[in-house]
Amino acid sequence: MARDTTFDYARALLRLGVLLFLFGLFTGFAVPMLAMPRMALASHLEGLMNGLLLMALGLMWPRLVLGPRAQALTFALAVYGAFANWLATLISAITCAGAMMPIAAAGRTGEAAPEAIVGFLLVSLSLAMVAACVLVLWGLRRAAATRG
């Protein structure tokens, strides 16, 4: 019997979404213990919301009409963006690196290295999530056009 070697993006997105949701829950337990509790709360919420986003994307994945490369790119961008969003705010909560998030950080800033890491994550995840959303919209548009 031949084995299907195609990667199951939908299942992977669901599993990674639940994992990130779990990370968000654990982050919630740590909120009072971190250097910036308000930023820790933001990290907790980012984990929950981005976990739900990945789960929703996993559920809609079968409706997308994308080529193999576009599927791989969309998957990678969404997963990177979701986890980087949680991680950037967590690093910020631990190190007080909040220059790029002045409201959540209440104006606090940290050392240069954590600020650079958080800054890189925030910029790259923003670009990744916008690109992933454009690809998902494209995949849904093409799906609607091929059915009509």
C-alpha atoms as a PDB file:
ATOM      1  CA  MET A   1       0.000   0.000   0.000  1.00  0.00           C
ATOM      2  CA  ALA A   2       1.428   3.376  -1.031  1.00  0.00           C
ATOM      3  CA  ARG A   3       1.825   5.880   1.757  1.00  0.00           C
ATOM      4  CA  ASP A   4       0.731   9.494   1.235  1.00  0.00           C
ATOM      5  CA  THR A   5       3.818  11.641   1.799  1.00  0.00           C
ATOM      6  CA  THR A   6       2.107  15.034   1.614  1.00  0.00           C
ATOM      7  CA  PHE A   7       2.415  17.144   4.709  1.00  0.00           C
ATOM      8  CA  ASP A   8      -0.873  17.597   6.602  1.00  0.00           C
ATOM      9  CA  TYR A   9      -0.808  21.380   7.074  1.00  0.00           C
ATOM     10  CA  ALA A  10      -4.284  21.500   8.610  1.00  0.00           C
ATOM     11  CA  ARG A  11      -3.448  18.993  11.336  1.00  0.00           C
ATOM     12  CA  ALA A  12      -0.088  20.642  12.013  1.00  0.00           C
ATOM     13  CA  LEU A  13      -1.750  24.052  12.373  1.00  0.00           C
ATOM     14  CA  LEU A  14      -4.298  22.629  14.794  1.00  0.00           C
ATOM     15  CA  ARG A  15      -1.592  20.964  16.895  1.00  0.00           C
ATOM     16  CA  LEU A  16       0.660  24.027  16.893  1.00  0.00           C
ATOM     17  CA  GLY A  17      -2.328  26.224  17.721  1.00  0.00           C
ATOM     18  CA  VAL A  18      -3.188  24.128  20.757  1.00  0.00           C
ATOM     19  CA  LEU A  19       0.486  24.155  21.783  1.00  0.00           C
ATOM     20  CA  LEU A  20       0.703  27.945  21.538  1.00  0.00           C
ATOM     21  CA  PHE A  21      -2.593  28.276  23.426  1.00  0.00           C
ATOM     22  CA  LEU A  22      -1.064  26.106  26.157  1.00  0.00           C
ATOM     23  CA  PHE A  23       2.060  28.318  26.195  1.00  0.00           C
ATOM     24  CA  GLY A  24      -0.261  31.296  26.609  1.00  0.00           C
ATOM     25  CA  LEU A  25      -1.976  29.638  29.566  1.00  0.00           C
ATOM     26  CA  PHE A  26       1.361  28.900  31.227  1.00  0.00           C
ATOM     27  CA  THR A  27       2.445  32.492  30.607  1.00  0.00           C
ATOM     28  CA  GLY A  28      -0.680  33.597  32.438  1.00  0.00           C
ATOM     29  CA  PHE A  29       0.485  31.752  35.538  1.00  0.00           C
ATOM     30  CA  ALA A  30       3.800  33.641  35.387  1.00  0.00           C
ATOM     31  CA  VAL A  31       2.300  37.140  35.023  1.00  0.00           C
ATOM     32  CA  PRO A  32       2.841  38.254  38.650  1.00  0.00           C
ATOM     33  CA  MET A  33       6.390  36.869  38.722  1.00  0.00           C
ATOM     34  CA  LEU A  34       7.813  38.665  35.671  1.00  0.00           C
ATOM     35  CA  ALA A  35       9.588  42.036  35.638  1.00  0.00           C
ATOM     36  CA  MET A  36       6.769  43.761  33.714  1.00  0.00           C
ATOM     37  CA  PRO A  37       3.434  42.180  34.668  1.00  0.00           C
ATOM     38  CA  ARG A  38       1.511  44.296  32.149  1.00  0.00           C
ATOM     39  CA  MET A  39       3.714  43.047  29.315  1.00  0.00           C
ATOM     40  CA  ALA A  40       3.441  39.515  30.709  1.00  0.00           C
ATOM     41  CA  LEU A  41      -0.336  39.873  30.467  1.00  0.00           C
ATOM     42  CA  ALA A  42       0.120  40.963  26.851  1.00  0.00           C
ATOM     43  CA  SER A  43       2.244  37.851  26.231  1.00  0.00           C
ATOM     44  CA  HIS A  44      -0.419  35.672  27.867  1.00  0.00           C
ATOM     45  CA  LEU A  45      -3.072  37.146  25.575  1.00  0.00           C
ATOM     46  CA  GLU A  46      -0.830  36.880  22.501  1.00  0.00           C
ATOM     47  CA  GLY A  47      -0.350  33.181  23.192  1.00  0.00           C
ATOM     48  CA  LEU A  48      -4.080  32.620  23.541  1.00  0.00           C
ATOM     49  CA  MET A  49      -5.138  34.717  20.555  1.00  0.00           C
ATOM     50  CA  ASN A  50      -2.418  33.493  18.206  1.00  0.00           C
ATOM     51  CA  GLY A  51      -3.099  29.904  19.261  1.00  0.00           C
ATOM     52  CA  LEU A  52      -6.733  30.404  18.313  1.00  0.00           C
ATOM     53  CA  LEU A  53      -5.634  32.012  15.043  1.00  0.00           C
ATOM     54  CA  LEU A  54      -3.559  28.963  14.122  1.00  0.00           C
ATOM     55  CA  MET A  55      -6.447  26.653  15.040  1.00  0.00           C
ATOM     56  CA  ALA A  56      -8.851  28.702  12.900  1.00  0.00           C
ATOM     57  CA  LEU A  57      -6.385  28.613  10.013  1.00  0.00           C
ATOM     58  CA  GLY A  58      -6.094  24.846  10.439  1.00  0.00           C
ATOM     59  CA  LEU A  59      -9.865  24.501  10.191  1.00  0.00           C
ATOM     60  CA  MET A  60     -10.084  26.674   7.067  1.00  0.00           C
ATOM     61  CA  TRP A  61      -7.008  25.132   5.405  1.00  0.00           C
ATOM     62  CA  PRO A  62      -8.995  22.602   3.310  1.00  0.00           C
ATOM     63  CA  ARG A  63     -10.876  25.519   1.708  1.00  0.00           C
ATOM     64  CA  LEU A  64      -7.695  27.212   0.466  1.00  0.00           C
ATOM     65  CA  VAL A  65      -6.645  26.756  -3.130  1.00  0.00           C
ATOM     66  CA  LEU A  66      -2.896  27.317  -3.078  1.00  0.00           C
ATOM     67  CA  GLY A  67      -0.041  25.610  -4.868  1.00  0.00           C
ATOM     68  CA  PRO A  68       2.466  23.526  -2.914  1.00  0.00           C
ATOM     69  CA  ARG A  69       4.970  26.387  -2.520  1.00  0.00           C
ATOM     70  CA  ALA A  70       2.296  28.872  -1.495  1.00  0.00           C
ATOM     71  CA  GLN A  71       0.960  26.376   1.051  1.00  0.00           C
ATOM     72  CA  ALA A  72       4.391  25.883   2.570  1.00  0.00           C
ATOM     73  CA  LEU A  73       5.035  29.631   2.639  1.00  0.00           C
ATOM     74  CA  THR A  74       1.647  30.434   4.171  1.00  0.00           C
ATOM     75  CA  PHE A  75       2.116  27.767   6.826  1.00  0.00           C
ATOM     76  CA  ALA A  76       5.644  28.927   7.691  1.00  0.00           C
ATOM     77  CA  LEU A  77       4.707  32.611   7.835  1.00  0.00           C
ATOM     78  CA  ALA A  78       1.641  32.003  10.014  1.00  0.00           C
ATOM     79  CA  VAL A  79       3.447  29.713  12.449  1.00  0.00           C
ATOM     80  CA  TYR A  80       6.482  31.995  12.675  1.00  0.00           C
ATOM     81  CA  GLY A  81       4.335  35.090  13.159  1.00  0.00           C
ATOM     82  CA  ALA A  82       2.135  33.527  15.820  1.00  0.00           C
ATOM     83  CA  PHE A  83       4.964  32.111  17.920  1.00  0.00           C
ATOM     84  CA  ALA A  84       7.192  35.176  17.446  1.00  0.00           C
ATOM     85  CA  ASN A  85       4.370  37.408  18.678  1.00  0.00           C
ATOM     86  CA  TRP A  86       4.082  35.455  21.914  1.00  0.00           C
ATOM     87  CA  LEU A  87       7.859  35.188  22.295  1.00  0.00           C
ATOM     88  CA  ALA A  88       8.573  38.877  21.653  1.00  0.00           C
ATOM     89  CA  THR A  89       6.175  39.986  24.359  1.00  0.00           C
ATOM     90  CA  LEU A  90       7.455  37.308  26.744  1.00  0.00           C
ATOM     91  CA  ILE A  91      11.072  38.404  26.250  1.00  0.00           C
ATOM     92  CA  SER A  92       9.942  41.971  26.786  1.00  0.00           C
ATOM     93  CA  ALA A  93       8.153  41.029  30.016  1.00  0.00           C
ATOM     94  CA  ILE A  94      11.267  39.277  31.308  1.00  0.00           C
ATOM     95  CA  THR A  95      13.893  41.837  30.247  1.00  0.00           C
ATOM     96  CA  CYS A  96      11.892  45.108  30.328  1.00  0.00           C
ATOM     97  CA  ALA A  97      12.641  45.593  26.614  1.00  0.00           C
ATOM     98  CA  GLY A  98       9.638  47.692  25.736  1.00  0.00           C
ATOM     99  CA  ALA A  99      10.860  50.517  23.500  1.00  0.00           C
ATOM    100  CA  MET A 100       8.706  49.393  20.557  1.00  0.00           C
ATOM    101  CA  MET A 101       5.639  48.809  22.761  1.00  0.00           C
ATOM    102  CA  PRO A 102       5.491  51.956  24.922  1.00  0.00           C
ATOM    103  CA  ILE A 103       1.889  51.554  26.067  1.00  0.00           C
ATOM    104  CA  ALA A 104       2.144  47.943  27.262  1.00  0.00           C
ATOM    105  CA  ALA A 105       5.634  48.585  28.641  1.00  0.00           C
ATOM    106  CA  ALA A 106       4.553  51.822  30.328  1.00  0.00           C
ATOM    107  CA  GLY A 107       7.556  53.586  28.806  1.00  0.00           C
ATOM    108  CA  ARG A 108      10.172  51.161  30.197  1.00  0.00           C
ATOM    109  CA  THR A 109      13.138  50.146  28.088  1.00  0.00           C
ATOM    110  CA  GLY A 110      15.734  47.457  28.566  1.00  0.00           C
ATOM    111  CA  GLU A 111      19.292  46.677  27.569  1.00  0.00           C
ATOM    112  CA  ALA A 112      20.350  47.034  23.932  1.00  0.00           C
ATOM    113  CA  ALA A 113      20.523  43.304  23.096  1.00  0.00           C
ATOM    114  CA  PRO A 114      17.011  42.367  24.309  1.00  0.00           C
ATOM    115  CA  GLU A 115      15.619  45.526  22.694  1.00  0.00           C
ATOM    116  CA  ALA A 116      17.216  44.500  19.377  1.00  0.00           C
ATOM    117  CA  ILE A 117      15.832  40.960  19.634  1.00  0.00           C
ATOM    118  CA  VAL A 118      12.349  42.175  20.509  1.00  0.00           C
ATOM    119  CA  GLY A 119      12.506  44.819  17.775  1.00  0.00           C
ATOM    120  CA  PHE A 120      13.543  42.264  15.168  1.00  0.00           C
ATOM    121  CA  LEU A 121      10.804  39.852  16.246  1.00  0.00           C
ATOM    122  CA  LEU A 122       8.117  42.548  16.185  1.00  0.00           C
ATOM    123  CA  VAL A 123       9.038  43.849  12.732  1.00  0.00           C
ATOM    124  CA  SER A 124       9.529  40.395  11.187  1.00  0.00           C
ATOM    125  CA  LEU A 125       6.366  38.922  12.704  1.00  0.00           C
ATOM    126  CA  SER A 126       4.335  41.889  11.478  1.00  0.00           C
ATOM    127  CA  LEU A 127       5.563  41.369   7.920  1.00  0.00           C
ATOM    128  CA  ALA A 128       5.042  37.605   8.203  1.00  0.00           C
ATOM    129  CA  MET A 129       1.467  37.916   9.438  1.00  0.00           C
ATOM    130  CA  VAL A 130       0.503  40.454   6.769  1.00  0.00           C
ATOM    131  CA  ALA A 131       1.962  38.201   4.077  1.00  0.00           C
ATOM    132  CA  ALA A 132       0.221  35.127   5.531  1.00  0.00           C
ATOM    133  CA  CYS A 133      -3.119  36.947   5.591  1.00  0.00           C
ATOM    134  CA  VAL A 134      -2.693  38.072   1.977  1.00  0.00           C
ATOM    135  CA  LEU A 135      -1.923  34.492   0.931  1.00  0.00           C
ATOM    136  CA  VAL A 136      -4.936  33.148   2.856  1.00  0.00           C
ATOM    137  CA  LEU A 137      -7.176  35.752   1.223  1.00  0.00           C
ATOM    138  CA  TRP A 138      -5.740  34.808  -2.163  1.00  0.00           C
ATOM    139  CA  GLY A 139      -6.369  31.127  -1.468  1.00  0.00           C
ATOM    140  CA  LEU A 140      -9.955  31.804  -0.449  1.00  0.00           C
ATOM    141  CA  ARG A 141     -10.560  34.058  -3.463  1.00  0.00           C
ATOM    142  CA  ARG A 142      -9.295  31.426  -5.866  1.00  0.00           C
ATOM    143  CA  ALA A 143     -11.377  28.769  -4.129  1.00  0.00           C
ATOM    144  CA  ALA A 144     -14.523  30.837  -4.576  1.00  0.00           C
ATOM    145  CA  ALA A 145     -13.683  31.562  -8.219  1.00  0.00           C
ATOM    146  CA  THR A 146     -13.100  27.885  -9.088  1.00  0.00           C
ATOM    147  CA  ARG A 147     -16.383  26.803  -7.515  1.00  0.00           C
ATOM    148  CA  GLY A 148     -18.454  29.402  -9.390  1.00  0.00           C
END
